[in-house]
Amino acid sequence: MEENKREMEHLFNSSETKQSKIEFVTIEQLVPEDQLLRRIDKYIDFGFIKEKTRPLYCPDNGRPCIDPVILFKMIFIGYLYGIRSERQLFKEVQVNIAYRWFLGLDLSDPIPHHSVISQNRIRRFNGTDVFQEIFDAIVLQAIRKGLIEGKELFTDSTHLKANANKNKFNIKKMRKSTLAYIEELDKAVEKDRKRHDKKALKAKDPIDDTKETRVSTTDPESGFMVRDGKPQGFYYLDHVTVDGKLNMITDVYVTPGNVHDSIPYIERLDRQIERFGFDVEAVALDAGYLSIPICHELKKREIFAVIAHRRFHPKRGLFPKWKFKYDALHDSYLCPAKERLTYRTTDRTGYRMYHSDPKICCQCEYLMRCTESKNHTKVITRHVWEDSKEWIHRNRLSYFGKEFYKKRKETIERCFADAKELHGLRYARYRGRSKVLEQCLLTACAQNIKKMANWLWRMDHPRRTGSPMAVVLSNLFACLFSPIFVVA
């Protein structure tokens, strides 16, 4: 018993001695060679941050500032490891050796206070596009390293819960935004009416183009989202585009939750083409983007597009629209009874009207399944840009289109899952669209940085994969067909 007691006392005393023992060790030795931050430091050049932030600092006034590279590296650590609080980030950097090594700090160096990050964001970076420029610079690095091709793009949006109570709002009248394609559509309508020998439409009288909507008293820039299968409340939408090669993010944009997905799409696509010089060959989108203006713009740009089909359920007992076949040669529709619906007019919204003959319809056996109109007239509409939508439909049904659309779950859907589960993008940290955009851009930067570092590391450190038998067989074939074996 006494020997056991002395042994236990020796163990406790030795552990206390180890904790207070002075050792000669460098911080370089304490960080593993394959640690993520080591990979990032090796393959990502952060020198561009000084150039991007130089106009925001005064060169000859005030106290010496913290190196902006250290500041942004610290921010990236928070987004890489899903540390949502800047106070918690400050505590984590204090005790984590890898974080200190990545920032270039020694074990005894003071850590930049968490208020430095928040005050720089509030005072120095507020109202600037520095976060967008940093995101673009990282994308350009990935392009130069061959990790982004810009040929196949996948776009979608995900909702972020705004930092606002859904029960605190005011009802206000908001003016509807003017759609970018209206001018082009008006010209197309005028041309179509002229082709059909119709008079030009009269000038449109100004109307009160407003709608009532809920405006949050906490975060007025958020939008009240009402969608099937989605939670109701004040949200933001994070619109993201990824490249098809290695799932790198190429564009990030934030809108209120009540803005339709299709509205900012063409503008953001054009920005990527102009900013990064992409030669886009194919895009894949979900059913939320299936609008005739988007189909028209993609066909005009000669970009192979695959958009998911949106099902429309007709009234029970009536024929669906696809039962009526369009005859392009005679510019008319054929009904299931093989009777023609002829052109009548083209309205302001760009839809042509095709009417049946009521004298024939009233005697048709399919009348009850065709229309419920009191004058026995069936009306079919066709947009002036309907050819573009049909082109998208053919792409979706093609073999390449089916295989290409399957990649969405491996690219954009995977990107959203990682952002929400690993990088804290499930909720908006701040209030206001510009601050939520900052959060989304920095999250995308963290995802791109991690992917770049990991891919480049794998290229430099290839590993054998497969079963042991596969490795043995591959080595055997390598020996059999090697030049030495042939000479022998």
Protein backbone atom coordinates (compact mmCIF):
# COMPACT_ATOMS: atom_id res chain seq x y z
CA MET A 1 0.00 0.00 0.00
CA GLU A 2 2.79 2.44 0.84
CA GLU A 3 4.59 1.65 -2.43
CA ASN A 4 1.42 2.31 -4.45
CA LYS A 5 0.90 5.55 -2.60
CA ARG A 6 4.46 6.70 -3.32
CA GLU A 7 4.04 5.73 -6.99
CA MET A 8 0.84 7.77 -7.36
CA GLU A 9 2.46 10.78 -5.71
CA HIS A 10 5.39 10.46 -8.11
CA LEU A 11 3.03 10.41 -11.13
CA PHE A 12 1.18 13.54 -10.00
CA ASN A 13 4.38 15.39 -9.21
CA SER A 14 5.93 14.43 -12.57
CA SER A 15 2.89 15.70 -14.50
CA GLU A 16 3.08 19.02 -12.70
CA THR A 17 6.78 19.16 -13.48
CA LYS A 18 6.14 18.55 -17.19
CA GLN A 19 3.64 21.39 -17.40
CA SER A 20 6.07 23.92 -15.96
CA LYS A 21 9.21 22.58 -17.64
CA ILE A 22 11.01 24.89 -20.06
CA GLU A 23 11.73 23.34 -23.45
CA PHE A 24 13.58 24.62 -26.49
CA VAL A 25 11.10 24.20 -29.34
CA THR A 26 10.05 26.30 -32.31
CA ILE A 27 6.46 26.96 -33.34
CA GLU A 28 7.42 25.54 -36.74
CA GLN A 29 7.96 22.11 -35.17
CA LEU A 30 4.57 22.09 -33.47
CA VAL A 31 2.47 22.44 -36.64
CA PRO A 32 2.06 19.19 -38.69
CA GLU A 33 3.34 19.25 -42.26
CA ASP A 34 -0.04 18.40 -43.81
CA GLN A 35 -2.09 20.79 -41.66
CA LEU A 36 -4.67 22.78 -43.69
CA LEU A 37 -3.24 26.17 -42.78
CA ARG A 38 0.21 25.02 -43.88
CA ARG A 39 -1.23 24.08 -47.27
CA ILE A 40 -3.01 27.43 -47.57
CA ASP A 41 0.13 29.36 -46.63
CA LYS A 42 2.14 27.42 -49.23
CA TYR A 43 -0.19 27.73 -52.21
CA ILE A 44 -2.15 30.97 -51.65
CA ASP A 45 -0.48 34.35 -52.10
CA PHE A 46 -2.08 36.91 -49.80
CA GLY A 47 0.18 39.78 -50.86
CA PHE A 48 -2.63 41.30 -52.95
CA ILE A 49 -4.48 42.26 -49.75
CA LYS A 50 -2.06 45.13 -49.07
CA GLU A 51 -2.62 46.57 -52.54
CA LYS A 52 -6.41 46.25 -52.29
CA THR A 53 -6.56 47.94 -48.88
CA ARG A 54 -3.83 50.57 -49.38
CA PRO A 55 -6.29 53.38 -50.40
CA LEU A 56 -8.23 52.79 -47.16
CA TYR A 57 -5.27 53.63 -44.88
CA CYS A 58 -3.71 57.04 -44.21
CA PRO A 59 0.07 56.83 -44.91
CA ASP A 60 1.20 59.79 -42.79
CA ASN A 61 -1.27 60.17 -39.92
CA GLY A 62 -2.47 58.20 -36.91
CA ARG A 63 -0.99 55.30 -34.97
CA PRO A 64 0.72 52.37 -36.71
CA CYS A 65 -1.95 50.01 -37.99
CA ILE A 66 -2.12 46.25 -37.79
CA ASP A 67 -0.91 44.58 -40.96
CA PRO A 68 -4.06 44.12 -43.12
CA VAL A 69 -2.74 40.72 -44.24
CA ILE A 70 -2.74 39.53 -40.61
CA LEU A 71 -6.19 41.07 -40.11
CA PHE A 72 -7.74 39.28 -43.08
CA LYS A 73 -5.92 36.03 -42.35
CA MET A 74 -7.49 36.12 -38.90
CA ILE A 75 -10.90 36.70 -40.48
CA PHE A 76 -10.32 33.78 -42.85
CA ILE A 77 -9.50 31.52 -39.90
CA GLY A 78 -12.91 32.31 -38.44
CA TYR A 79 -14.70 31.46 -41.68
CA LEU A 80 -12.56 28.39 -42.41
CA TYR A 81 -13.39 26.78 -39.09
CA GLY A 82 -16.91 28.12 -38.64
CA ILE A 83 -16.10 30.41 -35.70
CA ARG A 84 -19.04 32.82 -35.82
CA SER A 85 -18.04 35.13 -32.95
CA GLU A 86 -15.07 37.49 -33.23
CA ARG A 87 -14.64 37.31 -29.46
CA GLN A 88 -14.43 33.53 -29.69
CA LEU A 89 -12.01 33.85 -32.62
CA PHE A 90 -9.73 36.00 -30.44
CA LYS A 91 -9.74 33.32 -27.73
CA GLU A 92 -9.13 30.49 -30.22
CA VAL A 93 -6.11 32.21 -31.77
CA GLN A 94 -4.64 32.73 -28.30
CA VAL A 95 -4.46 28.99 -27.57
CA ASN A 96 -4.15 27.43 -31.04
CA ILE A 97 -0.56 27.06 -32.21
CA ALA A 98 -1.51 26.47 -35.86
CA TYR A 99 -3.50 29.71 -35.91
CA ARG A 100 -0.53 31.63 -34.47
CA TRP A 101 1.81 30.06 -37.03
CA PHE A 102 -0.52 31.00 -39.91
CA LEU A 103 -0.68 34.62 -38.71
CA GLY A 104 3.11 34.79 -38.34
CA LEU A 105 2.92 35.33 -34.57
CA ASP A 106 5.21 33.86 -31.94
CA LEU A 107 4.00 32.10 -28.79
CA SER A 108 4.47 35.27 -26.77
CA ASP A 109 3.21 37.81 -29.35
CA PRO A 110 -0.06 39.62 -28.52
CA ILE A 111 -3.12 38.73 -30.60
CA PRO A 112 -5.03 41.52 -32.42
CA HIS A 113 -8.05 42.29 -30.28
CA HIS A 114 -11.48 41.28 -31.54
CA SER A 115 -12.58 44.94 -31.52
CA VAL A 116 -9.95 45.66 -34.18
CA ILE A 117 -11.82 43.45 -36.64
CA SER A 118 -15.23 44.90 -35.83
CA GLN A 119 -14.05 48.52 -35.85
CA ASN A 120 -12.25 48.10 -39.16
CA ARG A 121 -15.39 46.61 -40.66
CA ILE A 122 -17.56 49.44 -39.28
CA ARG A 123 -15.25 52.37 -39.99
CA ARG A 124 -12.66 51.50 -42.61
CA PHE A 125 -14.29 48.88 -44.85
CA ASN A 126 -17.91 50.05 -44.61
CA GLY A 127 -19.23 51.31 -47.93
CA THR A 128 -16.28 49.95 -49.94
CA ASP A 129 -16.03 47.00 -52.31
CA VAL A 130 -12.84 45.64 -50.72
CA PHE A 131 -14.43 42.26 -49.92
CA GLN A 132 -15.58 41.87 -53.54
CA GLU A 133 -12.08 42.76 -54.77
CA ILE A 134 -10.47 40.22 -52.45
CA PHE A 135 -12.90 37.54 -53.61
CA ASP A 136 -12.15 38.38 -57.26
CA ALA A 137 -8.40 38.26 -56.61
CA ILE A 138 -8.67 34.74 -55.18
CA VAL A 139 -10.73 33.62 -58.19
CA LEU A 140 -8.08 35.07 -60.52
CA GLN A 141 -5.39 33.11 -58.65
CA ALA A 142 -7.39 29.92 -59.15
CA ILE A 143 -7.73 30.69 -62.87
CA ARG A 144 -3.98 31.20 -63.23
CA LYS A 145 -3.32 27.89 -61.46
CA GLY A 146 -5.66 26.08 -63.85
CA LEU A 147 -8.33 25.25 -61.26
CA ILE A 148 -11.11 27.22 -62.98
CA GLU A 149 -12.00 26.94 -66.67
CA GLY A 150 -15.15 29.06 -66.87
CA LYS A 151 -16.76 26.80 -69.49
CA GLU A 152 -19.43 25.04 -67.40
CA LEU A 153 -21.24 27.07 -64.75
CA PHE A 154 -23.87 26.03 -62.19
CA THR A 155 -25.99 28.67 -60.46
CA ASP A 156 -28.53 28.54 -57.67
CA SER A 157 -29.58 30.46 -54.56
CA THR A 158 -30.00 29.53 -50.91
CA HIS A 159 -31.86 31.41 -48.19
CA LEU A 160 -30.22 32.88 -45.09
CA LYS A 161 -32.38 33.72 -42.12
CA ALA A 162 -32.12 37.46 -41.51
CA ASN A 163 -31.25 38.80 -38.08
CA ALA A 164 -34.83 40.02 -37.66
CA ASN A 165 -38.04 39.02 -35.91
CA LYS A 166 -40.65 37.88 -38.44
CA ASN A 167 -43.46 39.32 -36.29
CA LYS A 168 -42.10 42.87 -36.23
CA PHE A 169 -42.91 44.60 -39.50
CA ASN A 170 -44.82 47.40 -41.17
CA ILE A 171 -46.98 47.14 -44.29
CA LYS A 172 -45.64 49.53 -46.93
CA LYS A 173 -46.20 50.16 -50.61
CA MET A 174 -43.04 49.42 -52.57
CA ARG A 175 -42.46 50.29 -56.21
CA LYS A 176 -41.80 47.29 -58.43
CA SER A 177 -38.37 47.14 -60.01
CA THR A 178 -38.11 47.76 -63.76
CA LEU A 179 -37.05 44.62 -65.61
CA ALA A 180 -33.99 44.96 -67.81
CA TYR A 181 -35.51 43.20 -70.82
CA ILE A 182 -38.65 45.39 -71.10
CA GLU A 183 -37.24 47.64 -73.83
CA GLU A 184 -36.14 44.68 -75.96
CA LEU A 185 -39.51 42.98 -75.41
CA ASP A 186 -41.41 46.09 -76.52
CA LYS A 187 -39.44 46.10 -79.77
CA ALA A 188 -40.15 42.40 -80.30
CA VAL A 189 -43.87 42.97 -79.73
CA GLU A 190 -43.94 45.89 -82.15
CA LYS A 191 -42.12 43.81 -84.79
CA ASP A 192 -44.46 40.86 -84.31
CA ARG A 193 -47.61 42.97 -84.62
CA LYS A 194 -46.24 44.59 -87.76
CA ARG A 195 -45.52 41.16 -89.25
CA HIS A 196 -49.14 40.17 -88.64
CA ASP A 197 -50.46 43.47 -90.09
CA LYS A 198 -51.65 44.72 -86.71
CA LYS A 199 -51.66 48.34 -85.61
CA ALA A 200 -49.01 49.51 -83.21
CA LEU A 201 -50.10 49.59 -79.59
CA LYS A 202 -50.91 52.95 -78.07
CA ALA A 203 -48.53 54.51 -75.62
CA LYS A 204 -48.95 52.94 -72.23
CA ASP A 205 -50.56 55.22 -69.66
CA PRO A 206 -48.52 55.68 -66.49
CA ILE A 207 -49.88 53.56 -63.69
CA ASP A 208 -49.14 53.21 -60.04
CA ASP A 209 -46.82 50.18 -60.33
CA THR A 210 -46.58 49.44 -56.62
CA LYS A 211 -47.35 46.54 -54.34
CA GLU A 212 -47.91 46.12 -50.62
CA THR A 213 -45.21 44.19 -48.80
CA ARG A 214 -43.97 43.53 -45.29
CA VAL A 215 -40.96 45.58 -44.25
CA SER A 216 -39.04 44.50 -41.18
CA THR A 217 -38.59 47.11 -38.47
CA THR A 218 -35.34 45.38 -37.41
CA ASP A 219 -33.68 44.86 -40.81
CA PRO A 220 -35.60 46.81 -43.47
CA GLU A 221 -33.29 45.59 -46.26
CA SER A 222 -34.30 41.95 -45.80
CA GLY A 223 -37.28 40.53 -47.64
CA PHE A 224 -40.29 38.57 -46.43
CA MET A 225 -40.02 35.21 -48.20
CA VAL A 226 -43.11 33.17 -49.05
CA ARG A 227 -42.27 30.03 -51.05
CA ASP A 228 -43.67 26.54 -51.27
CA GLY A 229 -41.72 24.19 -49.04
CA LYS A 230 -39.71 27.05 -47.47
CA PRO A 231 -40.11 28.70 -44.07
CA GLN A 232 -41.85 32.06 -43.98
CA GLY A 233 -40.07 35.03 -42.52
CA PHE A 234 -37.45 37.67 -43.27
CA TYR A 235 -34.60 36.21 -45.29
CA TYR A 236 -31.79 37.02 -47.68
CA LEU A 237 -30.96 35.03 -50.81
CA ASP A 238 -27.35 34.10 -51.52
CA HIS A 239 -26.96 33.65 -55.29
CA VAL A 240 -23.86 31.56 -56.04
CA THR A 241 -22.23 30.35 -59.24
CA VAL A 242 -19.64 27.56 -59.27
CA ASP A 243 -17.32 26.31 -61.98
CA GLY A 244 -17.87 22.77 -63.21
CA LYS A 245 -14.22 21.68 -63.17
CA LEU A 246 -13.42 21.59 -59.44
CA ASN A 247 -16.49 23.25 -57.90
CA MET A 248 -14.78 26.57 -57.28
CA ILE A 249 -17.06 29.54 -56.57
CA THR A 250 -16.89 32.24 -59.25
CA ASP A 251 -19.67 34.64 -58.23
CA VAL A 252 -21.59 35.64 -55.10
CA TYR A 253 -24.51 38.05 -54.93
CA VAL A 254 -27.10 38.80 -52.22
CA THR A 255 -30.69 39.98 -52.64
CA PRO A 256 -33.65 40.27 -50.25
CA GLY A 257 -35.61 37.08 -49.76
CA ASN A 258 -38.61 38.28 -51.80
CA VAL A 259 -36.60 38.77 -55.02
CA HIS A 260 -37.06 36.06 -57.64
CA ASP A 261 -34.00 33.96 -58.48
CA SER A 262 -34.17 34.78 -62.18
CA ILE A 263 -33.97 38.57 -61.83
CA PRO A 264 -30.22 39.05 -61.18
CA TYR A 265 -29.03 36.00 -63.16
CA ILE A 266 -28.17 37.45 -66.58
CA GLU A 267 -26.46 40.49 -65.05
CA ARG A 268 -24.27 38.30 -62.85
CA LEU A 269 -23.46 35.98 -65.75
CA ASP A 270 -22.32 38.95 -67.84
CA ARG A 271 -20.20 40.20 -64.95
CA GLN A 272 -18.27 36.94 -64.78
CA ILE A 273 -17.68 36.96 -68.52
CA GLU A 274 -16.38 40.55 -68.42
CA ARG A 275 -14.42 40.29 -65.14
CA PHE A 276 -12.73 36.93 -65.63
CA GLY A 277 -12.88 36.49 -69.39
CA PHE A 278 -14.93 33.29 -69.23
CA ASP A 279 -15.88 31.57 -72.46
CA VAL A 280 -19.06 30.00 -71.12
CA GLU A 281 -20.23 26.97 -73.10
CA ALA A 282 -22.92 25.43 -70.87
CA VAL A 283 -24.97 26.34 -67.79
CA ALA A 284 -27.32 24.31 -65.60
CA LEU A 285 -30.12 25.87 -63.54
CA ASP A 286 -33.06 24.65 -61.50
CA ALA A 287 -36.72 25.26 -62.29
CA GLY A 288 -36.75 28.66 -60.57
CA TYR A 289 -34.81 30.09 -63.53
CA LEU A 290 -37.20 28.78 -66.19
CA SER A 291 -38.42 32.12 -67.49
CA ILE A 292 -38.72 33.10 -71.12
CA PRO A 293 -36.39 36.16 -70.84
CA ILE A 294 -33.58 33.96 -69.42
CA CYS A 295 -34.13 31.34 -72.13
CA HIS A 296 -34.03 34.08 -74.76
CA GLU A 297 -30.82 35.65 -73.42
CA LEU A 298 -28.99 32.30 -73.14
CA LYS A 299 -29.95 31.31 -76.67
CA LYS A 300 -28.88 34.72 -77.96
CA ARG A 301 -25.47 34.22 -76.31
CA GLU A 302 -25.23 30.70 -77.84
CA ILE A 303 -24.75 29.08 -74.41
CA PHE A 304 -25.99 25.51 -74.08
CA ALA A 305 -28.47 25.72 -71.21
CA VAL A 306 -30.24 23.04 -69.21
CA ILE A 307 -33.06 24.23 -66.95
CA ALA A 308 -35.25 21.91 -64.90
CA HIS A 309 -38.88 21.57 -65.95
CA ARG A 310 -41.55 23.34 -63.93
CA ARG A 311 -44.79 21.39 -63.85
CA PHE A 312 -48.06 23.26 -64.39
CA HIS A 313 -51.18 21.35 -63.45
CA PRO A 314 -54.20 22.28 -65.60
CA LYS A 315 -57.68 22.31 -64.23
CA ARG A 316 -58.89 18.79 -63.61
CA GLY A 317 -60.69 17.31 -66.59
CA LEU A 318 -59.24 19.75 -69.17
CA PHE A 319 -56.60 19.10 -71.81
CA PRO A 320 -53.08 20.30 -70.92
CA LYS A 321 -51.45 22.80 -73.26
CA TRP A 322 -49.03 20.25 -74.73
CA LYS A 323 -52.01 18.49 -76.33
CA PHE A 324 -52.26 21.46 -78.71
CA LYS A 325 -49.50 21.26 -81.33
CA TYR A 326 -48.00 24.39 -82.85
CA ASP A 327 -47.72 24.53 -86.64
CA ALA A 328 -44.91 26.98 -87.44
CA LEU A 329 -45.57 26.87 -91.18
CA HIS A 330 -49.14 28.15 -90.85
CA ASP A 331 -48.58 29.99 -87.53
CA SER A 332 -51.46 28.21 -85.84
CA TYR A 333 -52.25 25.50 -83.30
CA LEU A 334 -53.89 22.13 -83.91
CA CYS A 335 -56.26 20.94 -81.19
CA PRO A 336 -56.80 17.23 -80.31
CA ALA A 337 -59.69 17.19 -82.82
CA LYS A 338 -57.28 18.38 -85.58
CA GLU A 339 -59.00 21.76 -85.86
CA ARG A 340 -56.94 24.98 -86.16
CA LEU A 341 -56.65 27.81 -83.66
CA THR A 342 -55.68 30.90 -85.65
CA TYR A 343 -53.73 34.02 -84.68
CA ARG A 344 -55.68 37.03 -83.38
CA THR A 345 -53.33 39.52 -81.71
CA THR A 346 -50.16 40.09 -79.65
CA ASP A 347 -50.52 41.82 -76.27
CA ARG A 348 -48.10 44.11 -74.43
CA THR A 349 -46.57 41.28 -72.42
CA GLY A 350 -45.40 39.56 -75.59
CA TYR A 351 -48.01 36.79 -75.82
CA ARG A 352 -49.75 35.93 -79.08
CA MET A 353 -53.39 34.88 -78.85
CA TYR A 354 -54.67 31.93 -80.89
CA HIS A 355 -58.47 31.46 -80.94
CA SER A 356 -60.60 28.54 -82.07
CA ASP A 357 -63.75 28.83 -84.17
CA PRO A 358 -66.75 28.73 -81.79
CA LYS A 359 -69.03 27.39 -84.54
CA ILE A 360 -66.85 24.29 -84.81
CA CYS A 361 -66.18 23.99 -81.09
CA CYS A 362 -69.83 23.99 -80.04
CA GLN A 363 -70.33 20.76 -82.04
CA CYS A 364 -67.04 19.12 -80.97
CA GLU A 365 -67.14 15.97 -78.85
CA TYR A 366 -64.12 17.24 -76.84
CA LEU A 367 -65.72 20.56 -75.89
CA MET A 368 -66.15 19.74 -72.20
CA ARG A 369 -62.49 18.65 -71.98
CA CYS A 370 -61.20 21.59 -74.00
CA THR A 371 -62.67 24.77 -72.50
CA GLU A 372 -65.22 26.09 -70.03
CA SER A 373 -65.67 29.34 -71.95
CA LYS A 374 -69.28 30.47 -72.31
CA ASN A 375 -68.74 31.46 -75.94
CA HIS A 376 -67.17 28.03 -76.71
CA THR A 377 -63.84 29.58 -77.73
CA LYS A 378 -60.51 28.01 -76.79
CA VAL A 379 -57.61 30.46 -76.42
CA ILE A 380 -53.93 29.37 -76.51
CA THR A 381 -51.10 31.82 -75.80
CA ARG A 382 -47.59 31.69 -77.22
CA HIS A 383 -44.79 34.11 -76.36
CA VAL A 384 -42.83 35.85 -79.08
CA TRP A 385 -39.70 34.25 -77.56
CA GLU A 386 -41.30 30.82 -77.13
CA ASP A 387 -38.75 29.27 -79.52
CA SER A 388 -36.04 29.87 -76.93
CA LYS A 389 -38.00 28.05 -74.25
CA GLU A 390 -38.57 25.11 -76.59
CA TRP A 391 -34.83 25.07 -77.33
CA ILE A 392 -34.15 24.80 -73.57
CA HIS A 393 -36.69 21.96 -73.41
CA ARG A 394 -34.86 20.03 -76.14
CA ASN A 395 -31.54 20.54 -74.37
CA ARG A 396 -32.95 19.12 -71.17
CA LEU A 397 -34.17 15.96 -72.90
CA SER A 398 -30.90 15.35 -74.76
CA TYR A 399 -28.38 12.80 -73.48
CA PHE A 400 -25.73 15.44 -72.74
CA GLY A 401 -28.33 17.64 -71.04
CA LYS A 402 -29.41 14.84 -68.69
CA GLU A 403 -25.84 13.96 -67.76
CA PHE A 404 -24.87 17.60 -67.39
CA TYR A 405 -27.79 18.44 -65.10
CA LYS A 406 -26.85 15.55 -62.78
CA LYS A 407 -23.69 17.46 -61.86
CA ARG A 408 -25.73 20.06 -59.95
CA LYS A 409 -25.95 17.87 -56.88
CA GLU A 410 -22.17 17.40 -56.92
CA THR A 411 -21.36 21.08 -57.48
CA ILE A 412 -23.71 23.85 -56.40
CA GLU A 413 -25.73 21.75 -53.95
CA ARG A 414 -22.53 20.45 -52.36
CA CYS A 415 -21.23 24.01 -52.14
CA PHE A 416 -24.31 25.16 -50.20
CA ALA A 417 -24.13 22.15 -47.88
CA ASP A 418 -20.48 22.86 -46.99
CA ALA A 419 -21.15 26.57 -46.50
CA LYS A 420 -23.99 25.93 -44.06
CA GLU A 421 -22.61 22.95 -42.18
CA LEU A 422 -18.91 23.85 -41.99
CA HIS A 423 -18.65 27.62 -42.42
CA GLY A 424 -21.63 29.03 -40.49
CA LEU A 425 -23.70 30.39 -43.39
CA ARG A 426 -27.05 29.16 -42.11
CA TYR A 427 -27.91 32.52 -40.53
CA ALA A 428 -27.04 36.14 -41.28
CA ARG A 429 -24.59 37.46 -38.71
CA TYR A 430 -25.28 41.12 -39.41
CA ARG A 431 -28.11 43.39 -40.53
CA GLY A 432 -28.22 45.11 -43.88
CA ARG A 433 -27.66 43.74 -47.38
CA SER A 434 -24.09 45.02 -47.71
CA LYS A 435 -23.01 43.35 -44.47
CA VAL A 436 -24.72 40.08 -45.39
CA LEU A 437 -22.94 40.26 -48.76
CA GLU A 438 -19.67 40.65 -46.84
CA GLN A 439 -20.44 37.47 -44.89
CA CYS A 440 -21.28 35.53 -48.05
CA LEU A 441 -18.19 36.77 -49.91
CA LEU A 442 -15.84 35.86 -47.04
CA THR A 443 -17.48 32.45 -46.71
CA ALA A 444 -16.94 31.87 -50.43
CA CYS A 445 -13.32 33.05 -50.09
CA ALA A 446 -12.76 30.51 -47.31
CA GLN A 447 -14.26 27.72 -49.42
CA ASN A 448 -12.16 28.64 -52.44
CA ILE A 449 -8.97 28.95 -50.40
CA LYS A 450 -9.48 25.55 -48.83
CA LYS A 451 -10.24 23.86 -52.16
CA MET A 452 -7.29 25.49 -53.89
CA ALA A 453 -4.87 24.44 -51.17
CA ASN A 454 -6.17 20.87 -50.99
CA TRP A 455 -6.20 20.34 -54.77
CA LEU A 456 -2.71 21.75 -55.26
CA TRP A 457 -1.45 19.66 -52.33
CA ARG A 458 -2.87 16.50 -53.92
CA MET A 459 -1.21 17.34 -57.22
CA ASP A 460 2.16 17.69 -55.49
CA HIS A 461 1.64 14.66 -53.21
CA PRO A 462 -0.13 11.95 -55.26
CA ARG A 463 -1.20 8.95 -53.22
CA ARG A 464 -1.95 5.43 -54.35
CA THR A 465 -5.58 4.51 -54.10
CA GLY A 466 -7.44 1.24 -54.39
CA SER A 467 -7.19 -2.20 -52.77
CA PRO A 468 -3.84 -3.83 -51.90
CA MET A 469 -4.33 -6.35 -54.73
CA ALA A 470 -4.85 -3.48 -57.22
CA VAL A 471 -1.62 -1.89 -56.04
CA VAL A 472 0.26 -5.21 -56.43
CA LEU A 473 -1.11 -5.73 -59.93
CA SER A 474 -0.29 -2.18 -61.00
CA ASN A 475 3.29 -2.61 -59.75
CA LEU A 476 3.57 -5.95 -61.57
CA PHE A 477 2.42 -4.46 -64.87
CA ALA A 478 4.77 -1.53 -64.39
CA CYS A 479 7.69 -3.95 -63.99
CA LEU A 480 6.67 -6.10 -66.95
CA PHE A 481 6.39 -3.20 -69.36
CA SER A 482 9.27 -1.13 -68.06
CA PRO A 483 12.21 -0.40 -70.44
CA ILE A 484 14.63 -2.34 -68.19
CA PHE A 485 12.55 -5.49 -68.44
CA VAL A 486 12.39 -5.24 -72.23
CA VAL A 487 16.16 -4.87 -72.54
CA ALA A 488 16.71 -7.81 -70.25
